[in-house]
């Protein structure tokens, strides 16, 4: 069963999704400031997004929808394939370390 989130109809639907990659980083969370609230009066109503600009989880930024740009399909492809290549290298390194540890004998 997929987890779901219920959004009140009068809020409008967010433009971006959790874990979506954008030019500004990866979306970690979203907030909604309904009109007529103190937060909306201070910052404007609508969706806000918690963003991780890079793989350093210590850096979080909070942006409005109009401050976020989607990646083009080509940019997204390049980013994902680079990450896959990175993890392939990491797996290769771990396999070498395991082979050294076991004297070349593994169960796989």
N, C-alpha and C. Protein backbone atom coordinates (compact mmCIF):
# COMPACT_ATOMS: atom_id res chain seq x y z
N UNK A 1 0.84 -1.19 0.00
CA UNK A 1 0.00 0.00 0.00
C UNK A 1 0.89 1.24 0.00
N UNK A 2 0.61 2.16 -0.90
CA UNK A 2 1.36 3.40 -1.01
C UNK A 2 0.89 4.39 0.06
N UNK A 3 1.83 5.07 0.72
CA UNK A 3 1.43 6.12 1.65
C UNK A 3 0.77 7.26 0.88
N UNK A 4 -0.22 7.87 1.47
CA UNK A 4 -0.91 8.98 0.82
C UNK A 4 -0.98 10.18 1.75
N UNK A 5 -1.14 11.32 1.16
CA UNK A 5 -1.30 12.56 1.90
C UNK A 5 -2.60 13.20 1.43
N UNK A 6 -3.44 13.58 2.36
CA UNK A 6 -4.69 14.27 2.01
C UNK A 6 -4.46 15.77 2.08
N UNK A 7 -4.86 16.45 1.04
CA UNK A 7 -4.73 17.90 0.97
C UNK A 7 -6.13 18.48 0.84
N UNK A 8 -6.49 19.40 1.73
CA UNK A 8 -7.82 20.01 1.62
C UNK A 8 -8.02 20.62 0.23
N UNK A 9 -9.20 20.49 -0.31
CA UNK A 9 -9.49 20.97 -1.67
C UNK A 9 -9.22 22.46 -1.86
N UNK A 10 -9.52 23.25 -0.84
CA UNK A 10 -9.36 24.70 -0.98
C UNK A 10 -7.90 25.15 -0.92
N UNK A 11 -6.96 24.25 -0.67
CA UNK A 11 -5.55 24.61 -0.63
C UNK A 11 -4.92 24.67 -2.02
N UNK A 12 -5.43 23.95 -2.96
CA UNK A 12 -4.74 23.83 -4.24
C UNK A 12 -3.67 22.76 -4.15
N UNK A 13 -3.30 22.21 -5.26
CA UNK A 13 -2.35 21.11 -5.27
C UNK A 13 -0.93 21.64 -5.41
N UNK A 14 0.05 21.06 -4.68
CA UNK A 14 1.43 21.54 -4.82
C UNK A 14 1.98 21.25 -6.22
N UNK A 15 2.83 22.11 -6.68
CA UNK A 15 3.42 21.97 -8.01
C UNK A 15 4.55 20.94 -8.04
N UNK A 16 5.21 20.72 -6.91
CA UNK A 16 6.34 19.82 -6.82
C UNK A 16 6.04 18.70 -5.82
N UNK A 17 6.78 17.59 -5.95
CA UNK A 17 6.55 16.41 -5.11
C UNK A 17 7.74 16.18 -4.17
N UNK A 18 7.49 15.44 -3.11
CA UNK A 18 8.56 15.05 -2.21
C UNK A 18 9.61 14.27 -2.98
N UNK A 19 10.86 14.51 -2.65
CA UNK A 19 12.03 13.86 -3.25
C UNK A 19 12.26 14.23 -4.72
N UNK A 20 11.50 15.19 -5.23
CA UNK A 20 11.71 15.63 -6.61
C UNK A 20 13.02 16.41 -6.69
N UNK A 21 13.79 16.14 -7.73
CA UNK A 21 15.03 16.87 -7.98
C UNK A 21 14.70 18.13 -8.77
N UNK A 22 15.27 19.24 -8.37
CA UNK A 22 15.06 20.52 -9.05
C UNK A 22 16.41 21.20 -9.19
N UNK A 23 16.42 22.34 -9.88
CA UNK A 23 17.67 23.09 -10.00
C UNK A 23 18.18 23.56 -8.65
N UNK A 24 17.29 23.75 -7.69
CA UNK A 24 17.67 24.24 -6.37
C UNK A 24 18.03 23.11 -5.40
N UNK A 25 17.80 21.87 -5.78
CA UNK A 25 18.09 20.74 -4.91
C UNK A 25 16.93 19.76 -4.87
N UNK A 26 16.96 18.90 -3.87
CA UNK A 26 15.93 17.87 -3.70
C UNK A 26 14.91 18.33 -2.67
N UNK A 27 13.64 18.10 -2.96
CA UNK A 27 12.57 18.53 -2.06
C UNK A 27 12.42 17.51 -0.94
N UNK A 28 12.58 17.98 0.30
CA UNK A 28 12.48 17.13 1.48
C UNK A 28 11.13 17.23 2.18
N UNK A 29 10.47 18.36 2.02
CA UNK A 29 9.21 18.56 2.71
C UNK A 29 8.46 19.72 2.12
N UNK A 30 7.19 19.82 2.46
CA UNK A 30 6.40 20.95 2.00
C UNK A 30 5.49 21.44 3.10
N UNK A 31 5.22 22.72 3.04
CA UNK A 31 4.37 23.41 4.00
C UNK A 31 3.35 24.22 3.22
N UNK A 32 2.20 24.43 3.83
CA UNK A 32 1.22 25.28 3.19
C UNK A 32 0.82 26.39 4.16
N UNK A 33 0.84 27.62 3.68
CA UNK A 33 0.41 28.76 4.48
C UNK A 33 -0.94 29.20 3.93
N UNK A 34 -2.04 28.84 4.61
CA UNK A 34 -3.37 29.23 4.11
C UNK A 34 -3.57 30.74 4.21
N UNK A 35 -4.29 31.30 3.25
CA UNK A 35 -4.56 32.74 3.29
C UNK A 35 -5.36 33.06 4.54
N UNK A 36 -5.14 34.24 5.06
CA UNK A 36 -5.83 34.67 6.27
C UNK A 36 -5.10 34.30 7.55
N UNK A 37 -3.99 33.58 7.45
CA UNK A 37 -3.23 33.23 8.65
C UNK A 37 -2.08 34.22 8.83
N UNK A 38 -1.54 34.24 10.03
CA UNK A 38 -0.44 35.15 10.32
C UNK A 38 0.77 34.87 9.43
N UNK A 39 1.09 33.58 9.23
CA UNK A 39 2.22 33.23 8.38
C UNK A 39 2.01 33.70 6.94
N UNK A 40 0.79 33.53 6.44
CA UNK A 40 0.48 33.96 5.07
C UNK A 40 0.56 35.47 4.95
N UNK A 41 0.13 36.17 5.97
CA UNK A 41 0.21 37.64 5.95
C UNK A 41 1.66 38.11 5.97
N UNK A 42 2.49 37.37 6.70
CA UNK A 42 3.89 37.75 6.82
C UNK A 42 4.70 37.33 5.59
N UNK A 43 4.46 36.12 5.07
CA UNK A 43 5.31 35.57 4.00
C UNK A 43 4.58 35.33 2.68
N UNK A 44 3.26 35.51 2.65
CA UNK A 44 2.48 35.19 1.46
C UNK A 44 1.89 33.80 1.57
N UNK A 45 0.71 33.61 1.02
CA UNK A 45 0.07 32.30 1.14
C UNK A 45 0.57 31.36 0.05
N UNK A 46 0.33 30.08 0.23
CA UNK A 46 0.72 29.08 -0.75
C UNK A 46 1.72 28.09 -0.21
N UNK A 47 2.25 27.29 -1.11
CA UNK A 47 3.18 26.22 -0.76
C UNK A 47 4.59 26.73 -0.57
N UNK A 48 5.27 26.17 0.42
CA UNK A 48 6.69 26.38 0.69
C UNK A 48 7.34 25.00 0.68
N UNK A 49 8.58 24.96 0.24
CA UNK A 49 9.29 23.69 0.11
C UNK A 49 10.59 23.71 0.90
N UNK A 50 10.83 22.65 1.66
CA UNK A 50 12.12 22.47 2.33
C UNK A 50 13.03 21.75 1.34
N UNK A 51 14.15 22.39 1.02
CA UNK A 51 15.05 21.89 -0.02
C UNK A 51 16.41 21.52 0.57
N UNK A 52 16.98 20.43 0.06
CA UNK A 52 18.36 20.10 0.37
C UNK A 52 19.17 20.41 -0.89
N UNK A 53 19.94 21.51 -0.88
CA UNK A 53 20.62 21.96 -2.08
C UNK A 53 21.67 20.98 -2.62
N UNK A 54 22.26 20.19 -1.74
CA UNK A 54 23.22 19.18 -2.18
C UNK A 54 23.11 17.99 -1.24
N UNK A 55 24.04 17.09 -1.29
CA UNK A 55 23.95 15.88 -0.47
C UNK A 55 24.32 16.12 0.99
N UNK A 56 24.55 17.37 1.37
CA UNK A 56 24.87 17.70 2.75
C UNK A 56 23.58 18.02 3.49
N UNK A 57 23.12 17.08 4.34
CA UNK A 57 21.83 17.30 5.01
C UNK A 57 21.85 18.43 6.04
N UNK A 58 23.01 19.02 6.30
CA UNK A 58 23.08 20.14 7.24
C UNK A 58 22.58 21.43 6.62
N UNK A 59 22.48 21.46 5.30
CA UNK A 59 22.03 22.67 4.60
C UNK A 59 20.60 22.46 4.10
N UNK A 60 19.68 23.21 4.67
CA UNK A 60 18.28 23.17 4.25
C UNK A 60 17.86 24.59 3.92
N UNK A 61 17.17 24.75 2.80
CA UNK A 61 16.62 26.07 2.46
C UNK A 61 15.11 25.92 2.29
N UNK A 62 14.41 27.02 2.44
CA UNK A 62 12.95 27.03 2.33
C UNK A 62 12.57 28.00 1.22
N UNK A 63 11.91 27.48 0.20
CA UNK A 63 11.60 28.29 -0.97
C UNK A 63 10.11 28.24 -1.31
N UNK A 64 9.63 29.32 -1.93
CA UNK A 64 8.28 29.35 -2.46
C UNK A 64 8.28 28.67 -3.83
N UNK A 65 7.08 28.29 -4.29
CA UNK A 65 6.97 27.61 -5.58
C UNK A 65 7.60 28.41 -6.71
N UNK A 66 7.41 29.73 -6.70
CA UNK A 66 7.93 30.54 -7.80
C UNK A 66 9.45 30.70 -7.75
N UNK A 67 10.09 30.19 -6.71
CA UNK A 67 11.55 30.26 -6.60
C UNK A 67 12.22 28.95 -7.04
N UNK A 68 11.43 27.98 -7.47
CA UNK A 68 11.95 26.66 -7.81
C UNK A 68 11.77 26.41 -9.31
N UNK A 69 12.82 25.90 -9.93
CA UNK A 69 12.77 25.55 -11.35
C UNK A 69 12.98 24.05 -11.50
N UNK A 70 12.15 23.44 -12.34
CA UNK A 70 12.30 22.02 -12.63
C UNK A 70 13.55 21.79 -13.46
N UNK A 71 14.11 20.59 -13.33
CA UNK A 71 15.20 20.19 -14.21
C UNK A 71 14.61 19.75 -15.54
N UNK A 72 15.34 20.00 -16.61
CA UNK A 72 14.90 19.49 -17.91
C UNK A 72 15.09 17.97 -17.89
N UNK A 73 14.40 17.25 -18.76
CA UNK A 73 14.61 15.79 -18.82
C UNK A 73 16.08 15.43 -19.03
N UNK A 74 16.78 16.20 -19.85
CA UNK A 74 18.20 15.92 -20.09
C UNK A 74 19.03 16.15 -18.83
N UNK A 75 18.77 17.26 -18.12
CA UNK A 75 19.50 17.53 -16.88
C UNK A 75 19.23 16.45 -15.83
N UNK A 76 17.98 16.03 -15.74
CA UNK A 76 17.61 14.98 -14.80
C UNK A 76 18.31 13.67 -15.15
N UNK A 77 18.34 13.33 -16.44
CA UNK A 77 19.02 12.12 -16.90
C UNK A 77 20.51 12.16 -16.53
N UNK A 78 21.15 13.28 -16.80
CA UNK A 78 22.58 13.43 -16.49
C UNK A 78 22.82 13.29 -14.99
N UNK A 79 22.00 13.93 -14.19
CA UNK A 79 22.15 13.87 -12.74
C UNK A 79 21.97 12.45 -12.20
N UNK A 80 20.95 11.76 -12.68
CA UNK A 80 20.68 10.40 -12.20
C UNK A 80 21.76 9.43 -12.66
N UNK A 81 22.20 9.53 -13.92
CA UNK A 81 23.25 8.61 -14.38
C UNK A 81 24.57 8.86 -13.65
N UNK A 82 24.86 10.11 -13.33
CA UNK A 82 26.07 10.41 -12.56
C UNK A 82 25.99 9.79 -11.17
N UNK A 83 24.82 9.83 -10.56
CA UNK A 83 24.65 9.23 -9.24
C UNK A 83 24.76 7.70 -9.32
N UNK A 84 24.20 7.11 -10.36
CA UNK A 84 24.32 5.66 -10.56
C UNK A 84 25.79 5.28 -10.73
N UNK A 85 26.53 6.04 -11.54
CA UNK A 85 27.96 5.77 -11.73
C UNK A 85 28.71 5.87 -10.41
N UNK A 86 28.38 6.87 -9.61
CA UNK A 86 29.02 7.03 -8.30
C UNK A 86 28.80 5.78 -7.45
N UNK A 87 27.56 5.30 -7.39
CA UNK A 87 27.26 4.14 -6.55
C UNK A 87 27.86 2.86 -7.12
N UNK A 88 27.98 2.75 -8.43
CA UNK A 88 28.68 1.60 -9.03
C UNK A 88 30.14 1.57 -8.57
N UNK A 89 30.79 2.75 -8.57
CA UNK A 89 32.17 2.81 -8.10
C UNK A 89 32.27 2.44 -6.63
N UNK A 90 31.32 2.91 -5.82
CA UNK A 90 31.32 2.59 -4.40
C UNK A 90 31.15 1.08 -4.18
N UNK A 91 30.27 0.47 -4.94
CA UNK A 91 30.04 -0.98 -4.84
C UNK A 91 31.31 -1.73 -5.24
N UNK A 92 31.97 -1.28 -6.29
CA UNK A 92 33.20 -1.92 -6.74
C UNK A 92 34.27 -1.84 -5.66
N UNK A 93 34.41 -0.70 -5.03
CA UNK A 93 35.38 -0.54 -3.95
C UNK A 93 35.06 -1.47 -2.79
N UNK A 94 33.79 -1.55 -2.41
CA UNK A 94 33.39 -2.43 -1.31
C UNK A 94 33.62 -3.90 -1.66
N UNK A 95 33.37 -4.27 -2.91
CA UNK A 95 33.62 -5.65 -3.33
C UNK A 95 35.11 -5.98 -3.26
N UNK A 96 35.97 -5.04 -3.64
CA UNK A 96 37.41 -5.25 -3.53
C UNK A 96 37.83 -5.42 -2.07
N UNK A 97 37.26 -4.57 -1.20
CA UNK A 97 37.59 -4.67 0.22
C UNK A 97 37.13 -6.01 0.80
N UNK A 98 35.96 -6.44 0.40
CA UNK A 98 35.42 -7.71 0.87
C UNK A 98 36.28 -8.87 0.36
N UNK A 99 36.72 -8.80 -0.88
CA UNK A 99 37.57 -9.84 -1.46
C UNK A 99 38.90 -9.93 -0.70
N UNK A 100 39.47 -8.80 -0.35
CA UNK A 100 40.71 -8.79 0.43
C UNK A 100 40.47 -9.39 1.80
N UNK A 101 39.37 -9.02 2.42
CA UNK A 101 39.03 -9.51 3.75
C UNK A 101 38.84 -11.03 3.78
N UNK A 102 38.21 -11.55 2.76
CA UNK A 102 37.88 -12.98 2.72
C UNK A 102 38.94 -13.80 1.99
N UNK A 103 40.01 -13.17 1.56
CA UNK A 103 41.06 -13.89 0.84
C UNK A 103 40.60 -14.32 -0.54
N UNK A 104 39.65 -13.63 -1.12
CA UNK A 104 39.17 -13.95 -2.45
C UNK A 104 37.96 -14.86 -2.46
N UNK A 105 37.55 -15.36 -1.30
CA UNK A 105 36.38 -16.25 -1.23
C UNK A 105 35.15 -15.48 -0.78
N UNK A 106 34.12 -15.52 -1.58
CA UNK A 106 32.84 -14.91 -1.21
C UNK A 106 31.74 -15.90 -1.46
N UNK A 107 30.57 -15.66 -0.91
CA UNK A 107 29.42 -16.53 -1.10
C UNK A 107 28.59 -16.12 -2.29
N UNK A 108 29.07 -15.26 -3.16
CA UNK A 108 28.25 -14.79 -4.27
C UNK A 108 28.89 -15.10 -5.52
